[in-house]
Protein backbone atom coordinates (compact mmCIF):
# COMPACT_ATOMS: atom_id res chain seq x y z
CA UNK A 1 -4.28 -3.88 -21.79
CA UNK A 2 -2.33 -5.08 -18.43
CA UNK A 3 0.92 -4.42 -18.40
CA UNK A 4 3.13 -5.27 -15.34
CA UNK A 5 6.59 -4.91 -14.65
CA UNK A 6 9.32 -5.25 -11.50
CA UNK A 7 11.63 -2.80 -11.35
CA UNK A 8 14.13 -3.53 -8.44
CA UNK A 9 12.86 -6.65 -5.07
CA UNK A 10 14.27 -8.37 -2.49
CA UNK A 11 14.24 -10.63 0.19
CA UNK A 12 15.65 -8.21 2.80
CA UNK A 13 15.44 -10.50 6.55
CA UNK A 14 12.89 -13.09 4.67
CA UNK A 15 10.43 -10.39 3.79
CA UNK A 16 9.95 -10.26 -0.18
CA UNK A 17 9.89 -6.09 -1.06
CA UNK A 18 10.05 -3.88 -4.16
CA UNK A 19 8.48 -1.98 -6.79
CA UNK A 20 6.49 -4.07 -8.94
CA UNK A 21 4.14 -1.77 -11.04
CA UNK A 22 1.15 -2.31 -13.28
CA UNK A 23 -0.95 -0.81 -15.67
CA UNK A 24 -3.78 -0.80 -17.51
CA UNK A 25 -5.97 1.08 -20.20
CA UNK A 26 -8.77 -0.18 -19.21
CA UNK A 27 -9.79 1.90 -15.79
CA UNK A 28 -12.96 3.80 -16.02
CA UNK A 29 -11.22 7.40 -15.06
CA UNK A 30 -7.72 8.24 -14.68
CA UNK A 31 -5.86 7.66 -11.47
CA UNK A 32 -3.02 9.29 -9.96
CA UNK A 33 -0.39 7.46 -8.01
CA UNK A 34 3.33 7.55 -6.81
CA UNK A 35 4.13 6.51 -10.95
CA UNK A 36 1.53 8.44 -12.69
CA UNK A 37 -1.90 8.16 -13.48
CA UNK A 38 -3.29 4.56 -14.02
CA UNK A 39 -0.13 3.25 -12.21
CA UNK A 40 -0.43 1.02 -9.23
CA UNK A 41 2.27 -0.48 -6.91
CA UNK A 42 2.20 -3.73 -5.51
CA UNK A 43 4.33 -3.01 -2.49
CA UNK A 44 2.47 -0.10 -1.97
CA UNK A 45 -1.21 -0.78 -1.74
CA UNK A 46 -4.21 1.95 -1.40
CA UNK A 47 -7.45 1.89 -0.33
CA UNK A 48 -10.07 3.28 -2.44
CA UNK A 49 -13.53 4.66 -1.04
CA UNK A 50 -16.07 4.49 -3.11
CA UNK A 51 -18.88 5.48 -1.24
CA UNK A 52 -19.70 5.26 3.01
CA UNK A 53 -20.01 1.30 2.35
CA UNK A 54 -17.64 0.23 -0.38
CA UNK A 55 -14.16 -0.22 0.06
CA UNK A 56 -11.74 -1.26 -2.56
CA UNK A 57 -7.82 -2.53 -2.18
CA UNK A 58 -6.18 -2.31 -5.17
CA UNK A 59 -2.17 -3.05 -5.58
CA UNK A 60 -2.17 -4.97 -8.70
CA UNK A 61 -4.43 -3.29 -11.51
CA UNK A 62 -7.18 -5.77 -12.20
CA UNK A 63 -7.25 -7.46 -8.59
CA UNK A 64 -9.03 -5.47 -6.62
CA UNK A 65 -10.40 -6.70 -3.40
CA UNK A 66 -13.79 -5.59 -2.48
CA UNK A 67 -15.44 -4.92 0.74
CA UNK A 68 -19.02 -3.75 1.81
CA UNK A 69 -19.59 -2.10 5.54
CA UNK A 70 -22.28 -4.78 6.59
CA UNK A 71 -23.91 -4.51 10.13
CA UNK A 72 -20.75 -2.43 11.33
CA UNK A 73 -18.06 -4.97 9.95
CA UNK A 74 -16.27 -4.87 6.52
CA UNK A 75 -17.14 -8.35 4.76
CA UNK A 76 -14.91 -9.27 1.64
CA UNK A 77 -17.31 -9.80 -1.61
CA UNK A 78 -16.50 -12.94 -3.87
CA UNK A 79 -16.15 -15.57 -1.28
CA UNK A 80 -12.57 -13.69 0.12
CA UNK A 81 -11.43 -14.99 3.29
CA UNK A 82 -9.09 -11.85 4.17
CA UNK A 83 -10.35 -9.32 6.11
CA UNK A 84 -10.26 -5.29 6.61
CA UNK A 85 -10.85 -4.29 10.25
CA UNK A 86 -11.49 -0.30 10.59
CA UNK A 87 -9.53 0.90 14.19
CA UNK A 88 -11.18 3.94 14.23
CA UNK A 89 -8.84 4.80 17.59
CA UNK A 90 -5.55 5.23 15.89
CA UNK A 91 -7.12 6.20 12.55
CA UNK A 92 -6.48 3.46 10.44
CA UNK A 93 -7.33 0.46 8.56
CA UNK A 94 -5.97 -2.91 8.85
CA UNK A 95 -6.33 -5.80 6.33
CA UNK A 96 -4.95 -9.07 7.35
CA UNK A 97 -4.04 -12.00 4.69
CA UNK A 98 -5.17 -14.81 6.34
CA UNK A 99 -3.48 -16.93 3.78
CA UNK A 100 -0.39 -15.49 4.89
CA UNK A 101 -0.81 -13.63 8.24
CA UNK A 102 0.50 -10.61 6.75
CA UNK A 103 -1.41 -7.69 7.95
CA UNK A 104 -1.04 -4.23 6.24
CA UNK A 105 -2.24 -0.64 7.92
CA UNK A 106 -3.45 2.13 5.39
CA UNK A 107 -4.67 5.69 6.49
CA UNK A 108 -8.13 5.57 7.49
CA UNK A 109 -10.31 8.20 5.67
CA UNK A 110 -11.27 10.50 8.28
CA UNK A 111 -10.02 14.10 8.40
CA UNK A 112 -7.44 13.56 11.54
CA UNK A 113 -5.36 12.63 8.08
CA UNK A 114 -4.18 15.24 5.68
CA UNK A 115 -6.55 14.35 2.45
CA UNK A 116 -3.41 13.55 0.49
CA UNK A 117 -2.68 10.37 3.16
CA UNK A 118 -6.48 8.69 3.23
CA UNK A 119 -6.33 5.16 2.42
CA UNK A 120 -2.60 5.34 1.40
CA UNK A 121 -0.18 2.97 2.68
CA UNK A 122 0.92 2.78 6.50
CA UNK A 123 2.74 0.10 7.65
CA UNK A 124 2.96 -3.99 6.63
CA UNK A 125 3.61 -6.28 9.37
CA UNK A 126 4.75 -10.00 8.29
CA UNK A 127 3.41 -12.97 9.86
CA UNK A 128 6.37 -13.36 12.44
CA UNK A 129 5.16 -10.04 13.70
CA UNK A 130 7.94 -7.58 12.36
CA UNK A 131 6.49 -4.98 11.04
CA UNK A 132 7.62 -1.66 7.85
CA UNK A 133 6.66 1.47 8.66
CA UNK A 134 6.80 4.28 5.50
CA UNK A 135 7.88 7.13 6.32
CA UNK A 136 6.55 10.39 4.16
CA UNK A 137 8.29 13.63 3.05
CA UNK A 138 6.44 17.22 3.73
CA UNK A 139 4.80 16.84 -0.29
CA UNK A 140 3.02 13.72 1.77
CA UNK A 141 3.93 11.11 -0.60
CA UNK A 142 6.28 8.43 0.36
CA UNK A 143 9.99 8.84 1.15
CA UNK A 144 11.32 5.65 2.27
CA UNK A 145 10.61 1.92 3.62
CA UNK A 146 12.85 0.68 6.46
CA UNK A 147 12.82 -2.99 7.89
CA UNK A 148 14.83 -3.40 10.95
CA UNK A 149 16.47 -6.85 12.95
CA UNK A 150 18.54 -5.75 15.58
CA UNK A 151 21.14 -3.61 13.99
CA UNK A 152 20.84 -4.04 10.92
CA UNK A 153 18.63 -2.45 8.35
CA UNK A 154 17.55 -2.86 4.80
CA UNK A 155 15.18 0.19 2.91
CA UNK A 156 14.02 1.44 -0.10
CA UNK A 157 14.12 5.26 -0.50
CA UNK A 158 12.28 7.36 -3.15
CA UNK A 159 13.35 10.11 -4.96
CA UNK A 160 10.94 12.19 -7.13
CA UNK A 161 11.93 14.31 -9.61
CA UNK A 162 10.05 18.04 -10.77
CA UNK A 163 6.92 18.21 -12.01
CA UNK A 164 5.93 14.35 -11.45
CA UNK A 165 7.97 13.53 -14.85
CA UNK A 166 9.77 10.74 -13.07
CA UNK A 167 11.29 9.33 -10.30
CA UNK A 168 13.79 6.96 -8.93
CA UNK A 169 13.93 4.43 -6.07
CA UNK A 170 17.25 3.36 -4.57
CA UNK A 171 17.81 0.15 -2.30
CA UNK A 172 20.33 0.30 0.52
CA UNK A 173 21.04 -1.52 3.69
CA UNK A 174 23.05 -1.07 6.88
CA UNK A 175 24.59 -3.28 9.44
C-alpha cells in the first residue's frame, strides 16, 4: 500500500511549497520522521547513508533516488541525470535536479553535524537563485521555512505535540 496526501500548499513568490506526506507499509524497516514512523514529507527530503559508498535520497516513498560513490564522485543509478555533490567545507551535500535547476542542500554525515541532523534537509534554492533555509529548534526538529522577497515573507511554521502524538503546520506571510 502507498498513501500520499497534501495537507497544505502554496506558490509563495512563485515557488511551490507545502506539506505532502507519503506512507507505505512495504518498507523494509521502520523509519522515524517528523510525521511518525514510515511517513515521509516531499518538501522535506532526506538523505539516508546506506553505507560509505551508497546514499539514497527520499522525498516521496517508493520514488527514491540512489547515488553510488565512484572515483570520488556521487553517481546516480538507473540513468538519472541529477547530481549529488559533497561540499566538505560546508559539511553538506547538494542535490541538483537538472531539469528544473532546483538545488537542495542537506547536512552531511560528518561528526561536525549533530547526529539528529545528519542527512536532513538544510535549504532549497529555486532556479532563480532564491534560497529558503530551514530553521531548527533546540530539539533538532524543523521549526520553520521562510521565503523572502524584498520586505515580503511567506513561511511555514511547525509546532510538535508532546510525546510524538502529532504536530501542527501553520502557514503565514507578512508584508
